[in-house]
Amino acid sequence: MEPLTEAQVRASFVNCSKGEAKRLTVPRELANHPWDDLDFLGWRDPQSKVRGYLVAIRDGAPYGIVLRATDGSSGTPRKNLCTLCLTPHGPGGVALLVAPRAGKAGQNGDSVGTYLCADLQCSSYVRGKRVSDAGRLPESLSTEQRIERLATNLATFLARVG
């Protein structure tokens, strides 16, 4: 992924108002992020445990979405699998994150959700730079193939958002 500036990140959001994008918390020191190892820039809001943000490149331009985590009160803690990178996690490592759809649909309350790594660090998990508390699934795919699968799953989710 090519490096992004704070202005590019803020301007990329498609499912919130410009005012909301102006007020959201952007990661510090964007220039120091490992951009070459990122398939998307993902982070959780340090001021709100339920908000998260994801910025990817879609059709050659930054495409950002605001995410909201559900409260997680589904009963018994269990292991889960991220739908983007297919990394297994123990309890709390995967969150159901919901994004309002872009445009009128989102303004009317329509949203899409999926189970994602709670820390939004899928790029690090597929490259082996992070290991979840549940380890890794045994698979025969190369790192490049896992990265390609992540990109495909991410594109599918972003298309659902709008």
Foldseek 3Di string as FASTA:
>chain_A
DDQDDLVQQLVQEQQDDSVVSVPADDDPPSVPDPVVLDQWDKAAGPVDLFWIKIWHADPRGIHMWIKGFDPPPPDDWAWDAAQQLRAIAGGPQKTWIKTQAGDPSSVVPDIDTGIHGSGNPSSCPLQVVDAHPVGGDDDDDDSVVSVVSNNVSVVVRNVVSD
